[in-house]
Amino acid sequence: MERNRSVEGARKKPSGAAVKSAKLTTALYRAFFEEWAERGFAAVSLERVAAKAGAGKAAIYRRFSSRQEFAAAAVTELGLTIAMPEDTGSLEADVLAFLIRLRAVLRHPLIRRILPDLHAEAARSPEMRILNTRVAEARRAQAQVILERAIKRGELDAAVDRDLALDLLPAALYWRMVVLGISPTRDQLAAEAAAIVAALQASMRTS
């Protein structure tokens, strides 16, 4: 009899409170982004986020201990990601491909509203400064791949100022889209790519 109860217990599924559904977690992330974009991070309501995701508030606290932790997980999992392009064979073409992909991310209706608020929160909160830095570092790591390709091809010297290069790659596009709210055309991106490459090569001649 004891054995039968043991077998039944082994087959019994865990209660709903013990299960962290991946589907629900994704729904919570998306609801969090929607709430953040609509109201700003300071006014995010976890009750509203849970309701939008079709869950209770407890579902959030089983996963995250704070709004900051929730934001960090959401950004890491769903936000601001760029698929790195294949090696195009030239620095200028690689830079253009990078800019095209970054433009697609910055065009997203939620991301273009969240990013300015993230920067503002970073100026006020050490926790959000850490998240803002993490987002920047992820973008720079992707751009670093482009620089290493160019160095291997001989298009850039290994002594190139990498920090300057990583600042230059997204700067003009980010300014136009996030600060000014303008989405450049492909021709304008091509002009930006050419200008970035010219600036990098000129910096090596003057260093």
N, C-alpha and C. Protein backbone atom coordinates (compact mmCIF):
# COMPACT_ATOMS: atom_id res chain seq x y z
N MET A 1 0.83 -1.20 0.00
CA MET A 1 0.00 0.00 0.00
C MET A 1 0.87 1.26 0.00
N GLU A 2 1.91 1.20 0.89
CA GLU A 2 2.85 2.32 0.96
C GLU A 2 3.52 2.55 -0.38
N ARG A 3 3.86 1.45 -1.06
CA ARG A 3 4.53 1.56 -2.35
C ARG A 3 3.62 2.22 -3.38
N ASN A 4 2.33 1.88 -3.36
CA ASN A 4 1.40 2.46 -4.32
C ASN A 4 1.30 3.97 -4.14
N ARG A 5 1.26 4.39 -2.86
CA ARG A 5 1.19 5.83 -2.61
C ARG A 5 2.45 6.52 -3.11
N SER A 6 3.59 5.82 -2.95
CA SER A 6 4.86 6.39 -3.41
C SER A 6 4.88 6.54 -4.92
N VAL A 7 4.37 5.54 -5.62
CA VAL A 7 4.31 5.59 -7.09
C VAL A 7 3.41 6.71 -7.54
N GLU A 8 2.24 6.84 -6.87
CA GLU A 8 1.31 7.90 -7.24
C GLU A 8 1.95 9.28 -7.04
N GLY A 9 2.70 9.40 -5.92
CA GLY A 9 3.36 10.67 -5.65
C GLY A 9 4.39 11.00 -6.69
N ALA A 10 5.10 9.98 -7.19
CA ALA A 10 6.12 10.21 -8.21
C ALA A 10 5.51 10.65 -9.52
N ARG A 11 4.30 10.14 -9.80
CA ARG A 11 3.64 10.47 -11.07
C ARG A 11 2.88 11.79 -11.01
N LYS A 12 2.64 12.23 -9.78
CA LYS A 12 1.85 13.44 -9.62
C LYS A 12 2.60 14.64 -10.16
N LYS A 13 1.93 15.47 -10.92
CA LYS A 13 2.57 16.66 -11.48
C LYS A 13 2.70 17.72 -10.40
N PRO A 14 3.76 18.55 -10.47
CA PRO A 14 3.90 19.62 -9.48
C PRO A 14 2.76 20.61 -9.60
N SER A 15 2.45 21.27 -8.50
CA SER A 15 1.35 22.24 -8.49
C SER A 15 1.70 23.42 -9.37
N GLY A 16 0.66 24.21 -9.71
CA GLY A 16 0.88 25.36 -10.59
C GLY A 16 1.86 26.35 -10.03
N ALA A 17 1.89 26.49 -8.69
CA ALA A 17 2.80 27.45 -8.07
C ALA A 17 4.25 27.07 -8.24
N ALA A 18 4.50 25.78 -8.48
CA ALA A 18 5.88 25.32 -8.57
C ALA A 18 6.40 25.32 -9.99
N VAL A 19 5.53 25.54 -10.96
CA VAL A 19 5.92 25.46 -12.35
C VAL A 19 6.20 26.86 -12.89
N LYS A 20 7.35 27.02 -13.53
CA LYS A 20 7.69 28.29 -14.18
C LYS A 20 7.63 28.07 -15.69
N SER A 21 6.45 28.24 -16.26
CA SER A 21 6.25 28.00 -17.68
C SER A 21 7.07 28.98 -18.52
N ALA A 22 7.83 28.43 -19.47
CA ALA A 22 8.63 29.28 -20.36
C ALA A 22 7.71 30.19 -21.18
N LYS A 23 6.55 29.67 -21.57
CA LYS A 23 5.60 30.46 -22.36
C LYS A 23 5.09 31.64 -21.53
N LEU A 24 4.77 31.38 -20.26
CA LEU A 24 4.29 32.46 -19.40
C LEU A 24 5.40 33.48 -19.14
N THR A 25 6.63 33.01 -18.97
CA THR A 25 7.74 33.93 -18.74
C THR A 25 7.90 34.88 -19.92
N THR A 26 7.81 34.34 -21.14
CA THR A 26 7.91 35.18 -22.34
C THR A 26 6.76 36.18 -22.39
N ALA A 27 5.55 35.73 -22.03
CA ALA A 27 4.40 36.63 -22.01
C ALA A 27 4.60 37.75 -20.98
N LEU A 28 5.20 37.41 -19.85
CA LEU A 28 5.47 38.42 -18.83
C LEU A 28 6.50 39.45 -19.33
N TYR A 29 7.54 38.97 -20.03
CA TYR A 29 8.53 39.88 -20.59
C TYR A 29 7.86 40.87 -21.55
N ARG A 30 7.05 40.35 -22.44
CA ARG A 30 6.42 41.22 -23.44
C ARG A 30 5.46 42.21 -22.78
N ALA A 31 4.73 41.75 -21.78
CA ALA A 31 3.82 42.65 -21.06
C ALA A 31 4.60 43.72 -20.31
N PHE A 32 5.76 43.34 -19.79
CA PHE A 32 6.60 44.30 -19.08
C PHE A 32 7.09 45.38 -20.04
N PHE A 33 7.54 44.98 -21.23
CA PHE A 33 7.98 45.96 -22.23
C PHE A 33 6.84 46.90 -22.61
N GLU A 34 5.65 46.36 -22.80
CA GLU A 34 4.51 47.20 -23.18
C GLU A 34 4.20 48.22 -22.09
N GLU A 35 4.20 47.77 -20.84
CA GLU A 35 3.94 48.66 -19.72
C GLU A 35 5.03 49.73 -19.60
N TRP A 36 6.28 49.31 -19.76
CA TRP A 36 7.42 50.23 -19.67
C TRP A 36 7.32 51.29 -20.77
N ALA A 37 7.05 50.86 -22.01
CA ALA A 37 6.97 51.80 -23.14
C ALA A 37 5.81 52.77 -22.97
N GLU A 38 4.71 52.29 -22.41
CA GLU A 38 3.51 53.13 -22.28
C GLU A 38 3.63 54.14 -21.15
N ARG A 39 4.22 53.74 -20.02
CA ARG A 39 4.14 54.56 -18.81
C ARG A 39 5.49 55.05 -18.29
N GLY A 40 6.59 54.46 -18.77
CA GLY A 40 7.90 54.78 -18.20
C GLY A 40 8.21 53.83 -17.05
N PHE A 41 9.51 53.58 -16.85
CA PHE A 41 9.89 52.56 -15.87
C PHE A 41 9.41 52.90 -14.47
N ALA A 42 9.49 54.17 -14.07
CA ALA A 42 9.11 54.57 -12.71
C ALA A 42 7.65 54.26 -12.41
N ALA A 43 6.81 54.21 -13.44
CA ALA A 43 5.37 53.99 -13.23
C ALA A 43 4.93 52.58 -13.59
N VAL A 44 5.89 51.68 -13.84
CA VAL A 44 5.52 50.29 -14.18
C VAL A 44 4.78 49.67 -13.00
N SER A 45 3.63 49.07 -13.28
CA SER A 45 2.85 48.36 -12.28
C SER A 45 2.96 46.86 -12.55
N LEU A 46 3.50 46.12 -11.58
CA LEU A 46 3.63 44.68 -11.77
C LEU A 46 2.27 44.00 -11.79
N GLU A 47 1.28 44.61 -11.13
CA GLU A 47 -0.07 44.05 -11.21
C GLU A 47 -0.61 44.13 -12.63
N ARG A 48 -0.40 45.29 -13.28
CA ARG A 48 -0.86 45.43 -14.66
C ARG A 48 -0.08 44.51 -15.59
N VAL A 49 1.22 44.38 -15.36
CA VAL A 49 2.04 43.49 -16.19
C VAL A 49 1.51 42.07 -16.09
N ALA A 50 1.26 41.60 -14.88
CA ALA A 50 0.76 40.24 -14.69
C ALA A 50 -0.60 40.07 -15.36
N ALA A 51 -1.47 41.07 -15.21
CA ALA A 51 -2.81 40.97 -15.81
C ALA A 51 -2.72 40.90 -17.33
N LYS A 52 -1.83 41.71 -17.93
CA LYS A 52 -1.67 41.68 -19.39
C LYS A 52 -1.19 40.32 -19.86
N ALA A 53 -0.37 39.65 -19.03
CA ALA A 53 0.17 38.34 -19.40
C ALA A 53 -0.79 37.21 -19.04
N GLY A 54 -1.93 37.55 -18.43
CA GLY A 54 -2.90 36.53 -18.04
C GLY A 54 -2.45 35.72 -16.84
N ALA A 55 -1.74 36.40 -15.90
CA ALA A 55 -1.21 35.69 -14.73
C ALA A 55 -1.47 36.52 -13.48
N GLY A 56 -1.13 35.95 -12.33
CA GLY A 56 -1.20 36.68 -11.08
C GLY A 56 0.15 37.29 -10.76
N LYS A 57 0.16 38.26 -9.84
CA LYS A 57 1.40 38.93 -9.47
C LYS A 57 2.42 37.95 -8.90
N ALA A 58 1.92 36.89 -8.25
CA ALA A 58 2.83 35.89 -7.66
C ALA A 58 3.71 35.24 -8.73
N ALA A 59 3.20 35.16 -9.97
CA ALA A 59 3.99 34.56 -11.05
C ALA A 59 5.26 35.38 -11.31
N ILE A 60 5.18 36.69 -11.08
CA ILE A 60 6.36 37.55 -11.26
C ILE A 60 7.35 37.33 -10.11
N TYR A 61 6.85 37.33 -8.89
CA TYR A 61 7.74 37.22 -7.74
C TYR A 61 8.34 35.82 -7.58
N ARG A 62 7.77 34.83 -8.26
CA ARG A 62 8.44 33.54 -8.28
C ARG A 62 9.68 33.58 -9.16
N ARG A 63 9.73 34.57 -10.05
CA ARG A 63 10.83 34.66 -11.01
C ARG A 63 11.82 35.77 -10.67
N PHE A 64 11.30 36.91 -10.19
CA PHE A 64 12.14 38.10 -10.01
C PHE A 64 11.86 38.73 -8.66
N SER A 65 12.92 39.24 -8.03
CA SER A 65 12.77 39.84 -6.71
C SER A 65 12.47 41.33 -6.76
N SER A 66 12.63 41.95 -7.93
CA SER A 66 12.42 43.39 -8.03
C SER A 66 12.12 43.77 -9.48
N ARG A 67 11.65 45.01 -9.66
CA ARG A 67 11.43 45.51 -11.03
C ARG A 67 12.73 45.58 -11.79
N GLN A 68 13.81 45.95 -11.10
CA GLN A 68 15.11 46.05 -11.77
C GLN A 68 15.57 44.68 -12.28
N GLU A 69 15.38 43.66 -11.46
CA GLU A 69 15.76 42.32 -11.89
C GLU A 69 14.89 41.85 -13.04
N PHE A 70 13.61 42.18 -12.99
CA PHE A 70 12.67 41.85 -14.07
C PHE A 70 13.12 42.54 -15.35
N ALA A 71 13.45 43.84 -15.26
CA ALA A 71 13.88 44.60 -16.44
C ALA A 71 15.15 44.00 -17.04
N ALA A 72 16.11 43.65 -16.19
CA ALA A 72 17.36 43.09 -16.69
C ALA A 72 17.13 41.79 -17.42
N ALA A 73 16.27 40.93 -16.88
CA ALA A 73 15.99 39.65 -17.53
C ALA A 73 15.26 39.86 -18.85
N ALA A 74 14.29 40.78 -18.87
CA ALA A 74 13.52 41.03 -20.08
C ALA A 74 14.40 41.56 -21.20
N VAL A 75 15.27 42.52 -20.86
CA VAL A 75 16.16 43.09 -21.87
C VAL A 75 17.14 42.04 -22.38
N THR A 76 17.65 41.21 -21.48
CA THR A 76 18.60 40.17 -21.88
C THR A 76 17.96 39.15 -22.81
N GLU A 77 16.72 38.76 -22.50
CA GLU A 77 16.06 37.70 -23.26
C GLU A 77 15.45 38.17 -24.57
N LEU A 78 14.81 39.34 -24.56
CA LEU A 78 14.01 39.73 -25.72
C LEU A 78 14.42 41.05 -26.37
N GLY A 79 15.14 41.87 -25.66
CA GLY A 79 15.35 43.22 -26.18
C GLY A 79 16.69 43.49 -26.79
N LEU A 80 16.70 44.35 -27.80
CA LEU A 80 17.92 44.95 -28.32
C LEU A 80 18.92 43.98 -28.89
N THR A 81 18.46 42.88 -29.43
CA THR A 81 19.38 41.90 -30.00
C THR A 81 19.52 42.11 -31.51
N ILE A 82 20.73 41.90 -31.99
CA ILE A 82 21.01 42.02 -33.42
C ILE A 82 21.65 40.72 -33.89
N ALA A 83 21.12 40.16 -34.95
CA ALA A 83 21.76 38.99 -35.55
C ALA A 83 22.97 39.47 -36.35
N MET A 84 24.14 38.97 -35.98
CA MET A 84 25.35 39.42 -36.67
C MET A 84 25.34 38.94 -38.12
N PRO A 85 25.66 39.83 -39.06
CA PRO A 85 25.69 39.45 -40.47
C PRO A 85 26.88 38.56 -40.79
N GLU A 86 26.76 37.85 -41.88
CA GLU A 86 27.89 37.07 -42.39
C GLU A 86 29.01 38.02 -42.82
N ASP A 87 30.20 37.47 -42.88
CA ASP A 87 31.34 38.25 -43.34
C ASP A 87 31.10 38.64 -44.80
N THR A 88 31.00 39.94 -45.07
CA THR A 88 30.69 40.40 -46.43
C THR A 88 31.94 40.50 -47.30
N GLY A 89 33.11 40.50 -46.66
CA GLY A 89 34.35 40.60 -47.41
C GLY A 89 34.98 41.96 -47.38
N SER A 90 34.28 42.97 -46.82
CA SER A 90 34.88 44.31 -46.72
C SER A 90 34.35 45.01 -45.48
N LEU A 91 35.16 45.91 -44.94
CA LEU A 91 34.76 46.65 -43.75
C LEU A 91 33.53 47.50 -44.01
N GLU A 92 33.53 48.22 -45.12
CA GLU A 92 32.40 49.11 -45.39
C GLU A 92 31.09 48.34 -45.52
N ALA A 93 31.12 47.20 -46.20
CA ALA A 93 29.90 46.40 -46.35
C ALA A 93 29.47 45.80 -45.01
N ASP A 94 30.44 45.40 -44.19
CA ASP A 94 30.12 44.89 -42.85
C ASP A 94 29.46 45.97 -42.01
N VAL A 95 30.01 47.17 -42.06
CA VAL A 95 29.46 48.28 -41.28
C VAL A 95 28.04 48.59 -41.75
N LEU A 96 27.82 48.60 -43.05
CA LEU A 96 26.48 48.86 -43.58
C LEU A 96 25.50 47.78 -43.11
N ALA A 97 25.90 46.53 -43.17
CA ALA A 97 25.03 45.44 -42.71
C ALA A 97 24.70 45.61 -41.22
N PHE A 98 25.68 46.00 -40.43
CA PHE A 98 25.47 46.24 -39.00
C PHE A 98 24.46 47.37 -38.79
N LEU A 99 24.61 48.46 -39.54
CA LEU A 99 23.71 49.60 -39.39
C LEU A 99 22.29 49.24 -39.80
N ILE A 100 22.16 48.46 -40.85
CA ILE A 100 20.82 48.05 -41.29
C ILE A 100 20.12 47.24 -40.20
N ARG A 101 20.86 46.34 -39.57
CA ARG A 101 20.28 45.52 -38.50
C ARG A 101 19.98 46.35 -37.26
N LEU A 102 20.86 47.29 -36.95
CA LEU A 102 20.60 48.16 -35.81
C LEU A 102 19.39 49.05 -36.07
N ARG A 103 19.25 49.52 -37.28
CA ARG A 103 18.07 50.33 -37.63
C ARG A 103 16.79 49.53 -37.41
N ALA A 104 16.79 48.25 -37.78
CA ALA A 104 15.60 47.41 -37.59
C ALA A 104 15.23 47.30 -36.11
N VAL A 105 16.25 47.16 -35.24
CA VAL A 105 15.99 47.09 -33.80
C VAL A 105 15.43 48.42 -33.30
N LEU A 106 16.04 49.52 -33.69
CA LEU A 106 15.63 50.82 -33.19
C LEU A 106 14.30 51.28 -33.77
N ARG A 107 13.84 50.64 -34.83
CA ARG A 107 12.53 50.95 -35.39
C ARG A 107 11.39 50.31 -34.60
N HIS A 108 11.72 49.32 -33.78
CA HIS A 108 10.66 48.61 -33.04
C HIS A 108 9.90 49.62 -32.17
N PRO A 109 8.57 49.64 -32.23
CA PRO A 109 7.80 50.67 -31.53
C PRO A 109 7.99 50.67 -30.02
N LEU A 110 8.28 49.52 -29.42
CA LEU A 110 8.51 49.48 -27.97
C LEU A 110 9.93 49.93 -27.63
N ILE A 111 10.89 49.41 -28.38
CA ILE A 111 12.29 49.71 -28.07
C ILE A 111 12.59 51.20 -28.24
N ARG A 112 12.04 51.82 -29.27
CA ARG A 112 12.36 53.24 -29.48
C ARG A 112 11.77 54.13 -28.39
N ARG A 113 10.79 53.61 -27.63
CA ARG A 113 10.25 54.37 -26.51
C ARG A 113 10.93 53.99 -25.19
N ILE A 114 11.40 52.76 -25.09
CA ILE A 114 12.04 52.30 -23.86
C ILE A 114 13.45 52.86 -23.71
N LEU A 115 14.22 52.90 -24.81
CA LEU A 115 15.63 53.29 -24.71
C LEU A 115 15.85 54.67 -24.08
N PRO A 116 15.15 55.72 -24.51
CA PRO A 116 15.38 57.02 -23.85
C PRO A 116 15.06 56.97 -22.37
N ASP A 117 14.04 56.21 -21.99
CA ASP A 117 13.68 56.09 -20.59
C ASP A 117 14.73 55.31 -19.81
N LEU A 118 15.32 54.29 -20.45
CA LEU A 118 16.39 53.53 -19.81
C LEU A 118 17.58 54.45 -19.51
N HIS A 119 17.94 55.31 -20.46
CA HIS A 119 19.05 56.24 -20.24
C HIS A 119 18.73 57.21 -19.09
N ALA A 120 17.49 57.68 -19.05
CA ALA A 120 17.09 58.60 -17.97
C ALA A 120 17.15 57.90 -16.62
N GLU A 121 16.66 56.67 -16.56
CA GLU A 121 16.69 55.92 -15.30
C GLU A 121 18.13 55.63 -14.87
N ALA A 122 19.00 55.40 -15.84
CA ALA A 122 20.40 55.11 -15.53
C ALA A 122 21.08 56.29 -14.84
N ALA A 123 20.63 57.50 -15.14
CA ALA A 123 21.20 58.69 -14.50
C ALA A 123 20.76 58.82 -13.05
N ARG A 124 19.67 58.11 -12.68
CA ARG A 124 19.13 58.23 -11.33
C ARG A 124 19.35 57.01 -10.46
N SER A 125 19.57 55.85 -11.09
CA SER A 125 19.58 54.60 -10.34
C SER A 125 20.82 53.78 -10.64
N PRO A 126 21.59 53.40 -9.62
CA PRO A 126 22.77 52.55 -9.87
C PRO A 126 22.40 51.22 -10.52
N GLU A 127 21.26 50.64 -10.12
CA GLU A 127 20.85 49.36 -10.70
C GLU A 127 20.56 49.50 -12.20
N MET A 128 19.88 50.60 -12.57
CA MET A 128 19.57 50.81 -13.98
C MET A 128 20.80 51.24 -14.76
N ARG A 129 21.77 51.86 -14.09
CA ARG A 129 23.04 52.18 -14.75
C ARG A 129 23.74 50.89 -15.15
N ILE A 130 23.69 49.89 -14.29
CA ILE A 130 24.29 48.59 -14.60
C ILE A 130 23.61 47.98 -15.83
N LEU A 131 22.28 48.04 -15.87
CA LEU A 131 21.55 47.49 -17.02
C LEU A 131 21.87 48.26 -18.29
N ASN A 132 21.92 49.58 -18.20
CA ASN A 132 22.25 50.42 -19.36
C ASN A 132 23.64 50.07 -19.89
N THR A 133 24.58 49.86 -18.97
CA THR A 133 25.94 49.50 -19.36
C THR A 133 25.97 48.12 -20.01
N ARG A 134 25.17 47.20 -19.49
CA ARG A 134 25.11 45.85 -20.06
C ARG A 134 24.61 45.89 -21.51
N VAL A 135 23.59 46.71 -21.76
CA VAL A 135 23.06 46.86 -23.12
C VAL A 135 24.14 47.42 -24.04
N ALA A 136 24.86 48.45 -23.56
CA ALA A 136 25.91 49.06 -24.38
C ALA A 136 27.03 48.07 -24.66
N GLU A 137 27.42 47.31 -23.66
CA GLU A 137 28.51 46.36 -23.83
C GLU A 137 28.14 45.24 -24.81
N ALA A 138 26.88 44.81 -24.78
CA ALA A 138 26.44 43.78 -25.73
C ALA A 138 26.53 44.29 -27.16
N ARG A 139 26.15 45.55 -27.36
CA ARG A 139 26.22 46.13 -28.70
C ARG A 139 27.68 46.28 -29.13
N ARG A 140 28.54 46.69 -28.23
CA ARG A 140 29.95 46.88 -28.57
C ARG A 140 30.62 45.54 -28.86
N ALA A 141 30.21 44.49 -28.18
CA ALA A 141 30.78 43.17 -28.43
C ALA A 141 30.47 42.72 -29.85
N GLN A 142 29.26 43.03 -30.33
CA GLN A 142 28.91 42.66 -31.71
C GLN A 142 29.72 43.49 -32.70
N ALA A 143 29.86 44.77 -32.42
CA ALA A 143 30.63 45.63 -33.32
C ALA A 143 32.11 45.23 -33.33
N GLN A 144 32.59 44.71 -32.21
CA GLN A 144 33.98 44.27 -32.13
C GLN A 144 34.30 43.20 -33.17
N VAL A 145 33.32 42.35 -33.46
CA VAL A 145 33.50 41.31 -34.48
C VAL A 145 33.86 41.93 -35.82
N ILE A 146 33.20 43.03 -36.15
CA ILE A 146 33.45 43.72 -37.42
C ILE A 146 34.88 44.26 -37.46
N LEU A 147 35.32 44.83 -36.36
CA LEU A 147 36.68 45.37 -36.31
C LEU A 147 37.73 44.27 -36.49
N GLU A 148 37.53 43.15 -35.82
CA GLU A 148 38.50 42.06 -35.91
C GLU A 148 38.57 41.51 -37.33
N ARG A 149 37.43 41.43 -38.00
CA ARG A 149 37.44 40.99 -39.41
C ARG A 149 38.28 41.94 -40.25
N ALA A 150 38.07 43.24 -40.04
CA ALA A 150 38.78 44.24 -40.84
C ALA A 150 40.28 44.19 -40.58
N ILE A 151 40.68 43.95 -39.34
CA ILE A 151 42.10 43.84 -39.01
C ILE A 151 42.71 42.62 -39.70
N LYS A 152 42.00 41.51 -39.70
CA LYS A 152 42.50 40.30 -40.36
C LYS A 152 42.65 40.50 -41.86
N ARG A 153 41.76 41.30 -42.46
CA ARG A 153 41.85 41.56 -43.90
C ARG A 153 42.94 42.58 -44.22
N GLY A 154 43.42 43.29 -43.23
CA GLY A 154 44.40 44.35 -43.47
C GLY A 154 43.77 45.69 -43.76
N GLU A 155 42.45 45.83 -43.58
CA GLU A 155 41.79 47.10 -43.82
C GLU A 155 42.01 48.08 -42.67
N LEU A 156 42.25 47.55 -41.47
CA LEU A 156 42.56 48.36 -40.31
C LEU A 156 43.82 47.81 -39.66
N ASP A 157 44.59 48.70 -39.07
CA ASP A 157 45.78 48.29 -38.34
C ASP A 157 45.37 47.72 -36.98
N ALA A 158 46.12 46.77 -36.48
CA ALA A 158 45.81 46.17 -35.18
C ALA A 158 45.89 47.20 -34.06
N ALA A 159 46.61 48.29 -34.29
CA ALA A 159 46.75 49.33 -33.26
C ALA A 159 45.60 50.35 -33.31
N VAL A 160 44.58 50.11 -34.13
CA VAL A 160 43.47 51.04 -34.23
C VAL A 160 42.85 51.25 -32.84
N ASP A 161 42.41 52.46 -32.58
CA ASP A 161 41.77 52.79 -31.30
C ASP A 161 40.39 52.11 -31.29
N ARG A 162 40.30 50.98 -30.62
CA ARG A 162 39.06 50.21 -30.65
C ARG A 162 37.91 50.93 -29.96
N ASP A 163 38.20 51.59 -28.86
CA ASP A 163 37.13 52.31 -28.17
C ASP A 163 36.53 53.40 -29.05
N LEU A 164 37.39 54.13 -29.75
CA LEU A 164 36.90 55.15 -30.67
C LEU A 164 36.08 54.51 -31.78
N ALA A 165 36.58 53.41 -32.32
CA ALA A 165 35.87 52.74 -33.41
C ALA A 165 34.50 52.25 -32.95
N LEU A 166 34.43 51.68 -31.76
CA LEU A 166 33.16 51.15 -31.25
C LEU A 166 32.19 52.27 -30.91
N ASP A 167 32.72 53.46 -30.60
CA ASP A 167 31.84 54.62 -30.42
C ASP A 167 31.29 55.09 -31.77
N LEU A 168 32.16 55.11 -32.77
CA LEU A 168 31.77 55.64 -34.08
C LEU A 168 30.71 54.79 -34.78
N LEU A 169 30.83 53.47 -34.66
CA LEU A 169 29.96 52.59 -35.45
C LEU A 169 28.47 52.89 -35.31
N PRO A 170 27.93 52.99 -34.08
CA PRO A 170 26.49 53.23 -33.98
C PRO A 170 26.11 54.70 -33.77
N ALA A 171 27.09 55.59 -33.58
CA ALA A 171 26.80 56.92 -33.03
C ALA A 171 25.82 57.74 -33.88
N ALA A 172 26.10 57.90 -35.17
CA ALA A 172 25.25 58.76 -35.99
C ALA A 172 23.84 58.18 -36.12
N LEU A 173 23.76 56.87 -36.30
CA LEU A 173 22.45 56.23 -36.44
C LEU A 173 21.65 56.36 -35.14
N TYR A 174 22.32 56.12 -34.02
CA TYR A 174 21.65 56.21 -32.72
C TYR A 174 21.15 57.63 -32.48
N TRP A 175 21.97 58.62 -32.81
CA TRP A 175 21.57 60.01 -32.63
C TRP A 175 20.32 60.33 -33.45
N ARG A 176 20.35 59.92 -34.71
CA ARG A 176 19.20 60.22 -35.57
C ARG A 176 17.93 59.55 -35.08
N MET A 177 18.03 58.27 -34.72
CA MET A 177 16.81 57.51 -34.43
C MET A 177 16.31 57.70 -33.01
N VAL A 178 17.20 57.66 -32.03
CA VAL A 178 16.77 57.72 -30.63
C VAL A 178 16.60 59.15 -30.15
N VAL A 179 17.52 60.04 -30.55
CA VAL A 179 17.45 61.43 -30.08
C VAL A 179 16.52 62.26 -30.96
N LEU A 180 16.69 62.16 -32.27
CA LEU A 180 15.90 62.99 -33.19
C LEU A 180 14.62 62.33 -33.68
N GLY A 181 14.53 61.01 -33.54
CA GLY A 181 13.33 60.30 -33.98
C GLY A 181 13.21 60.18 -35.49
N ILE A 182 14.35 60.17 -36.19
CA ILE A 182 14.36 60.09 -37.66
C ILE A 182 14.91 58.74 -38.07
N SER A 183 14.23 58.06 -38.98
CA SER A 183 14.71 56.78 -39.49
C SER A 183 15.38 56.99 -40.84
N PRO A 184 16.70 56.80 -40.93
CA PRO A 184 17.41 57.08 -42.18
C PRO A 184 17.09 56.06 -43.26
N THR A 185 17.26 56.48 -44.50
CA THR A 185 17.07 55.58 -45.64
C THR A 185 18.30 54.68 -45.78
N ARG A 186 18.19 53.70 -46.66
CA ARG A 186 19.34 52.82 -46.90
C ARG A 186 20.50 53.61 -47.51
N ASP A 187 20.19 54.56 -48.41
CA ASP A 187 21.26 55.38 -48.99
C ASP A 187 21.97 56.19 -47.91
N GLN A 188 21.21 56.71 -46.96
CA GLN A 188 21.82 57.46 -45.88
C GLN A 188 22.70 56.56 -45.00
N LEU A 189 22.25 55.32 -44.79
CA LEU A 189 23.07 54.37 -44.04
C LEU A 189 24.35 54.05 -44.79
N ALA A 190 24.26 53.93 -46.10
CA ALA A 190 25.46 53.66 -46.90
C ALA A 190 26.44 54.82 -46.79
N ALA A 191 25.92 56.05 -46.78
CA ALA A 191 26.78 57.22 -46.62
C ALA A 191 27.43 57.22 -45.23
N GLU A 192 26.66 56.83 -44.22
CA GLU A 192 27.21 56.74 -42.86
C GLU A 192 28.33 55.70 -42.80
N ALA A 193 28.09 54.54 -43.43
CA ALA A 193 29.11 53.48 -43.42
C ALA A 193 30.40 53.96 -44.06
N ALA A 194 30.28 54.63 -45.20
CA ALA A 194 31.47 55.15 -45.88
C ALA A 194 32.20 56.18 -45.02
N ALA A 195 31.44 57.03 -44.34
CA ALA A 195 32.05 58.06 -43.49
C ALA A 195 32.75 57.43 -42.28
N ILE A 196 32.15 56.40 -41.72
CA ILE A 196 32.75 55.72 -40.56
C ILE A 196 34.08 55.08 -40.95
N VAL A 197 34.09 54.38 -42.08
CA VAL A 197 35.31 53.72 -42.54
C VAL A 197 36.39 54.76 -42.84
N ALA A 198 36.02 55.86 -43.49
CA ALA A 198 36.99 56.92 -43.80
C ALA A 198 37.56 57.50 -42.51
N ALA A 199 36.71 57.69 -41.50
CA ALA A 199 37.18 58.25 -40.23
C ALA A 199 38.14 57.30 -39.54
N LEU A 200 37.83 56.00 -39.56
CA LEU A 200 38.71 55.02 -38.92
C LEU A 200 40.06 54.95 -39.62
N GLN A 201 40.04 54.96 -40.93
CA GLN A 201 41.31 54.89 -41.67
C GLN A 201 42.12 56.18 -41.50
N ALA A 202 41.42 57.32 -41.41
CA ALA A 202 42.13 58.60 -41.19
C ALA A 202 42.73 58.64 -39.78
N SER A 203 42.05 58.05 -38.82
CA SER A 203 42.57 58.05 -37.46
C SER A 203 43.86 57.28 -37.34
N MET A 204 44.03 56.24 -38.17
CA MET A 204 45.26 55.47 -38.13
C MET A 204 46.42 56.25 -38.75
N ARG A 205 46.13 57.08 -39.74
CA ARG A 205 47.19 57.86 -40.39
C ARG A 205 47.71 58.98 -39.50
N THR A 206 46.83 59.45 -38.60
CA THR A 206 47.21 60.57 -37.75
C THR A 206 47.68 60.15 -36.37
N SER A 207 47.58 58.83 -36.08
CA SER A 207 47.97 58.37 -34.74
C SER A 207 49.48 58.13 -34.64
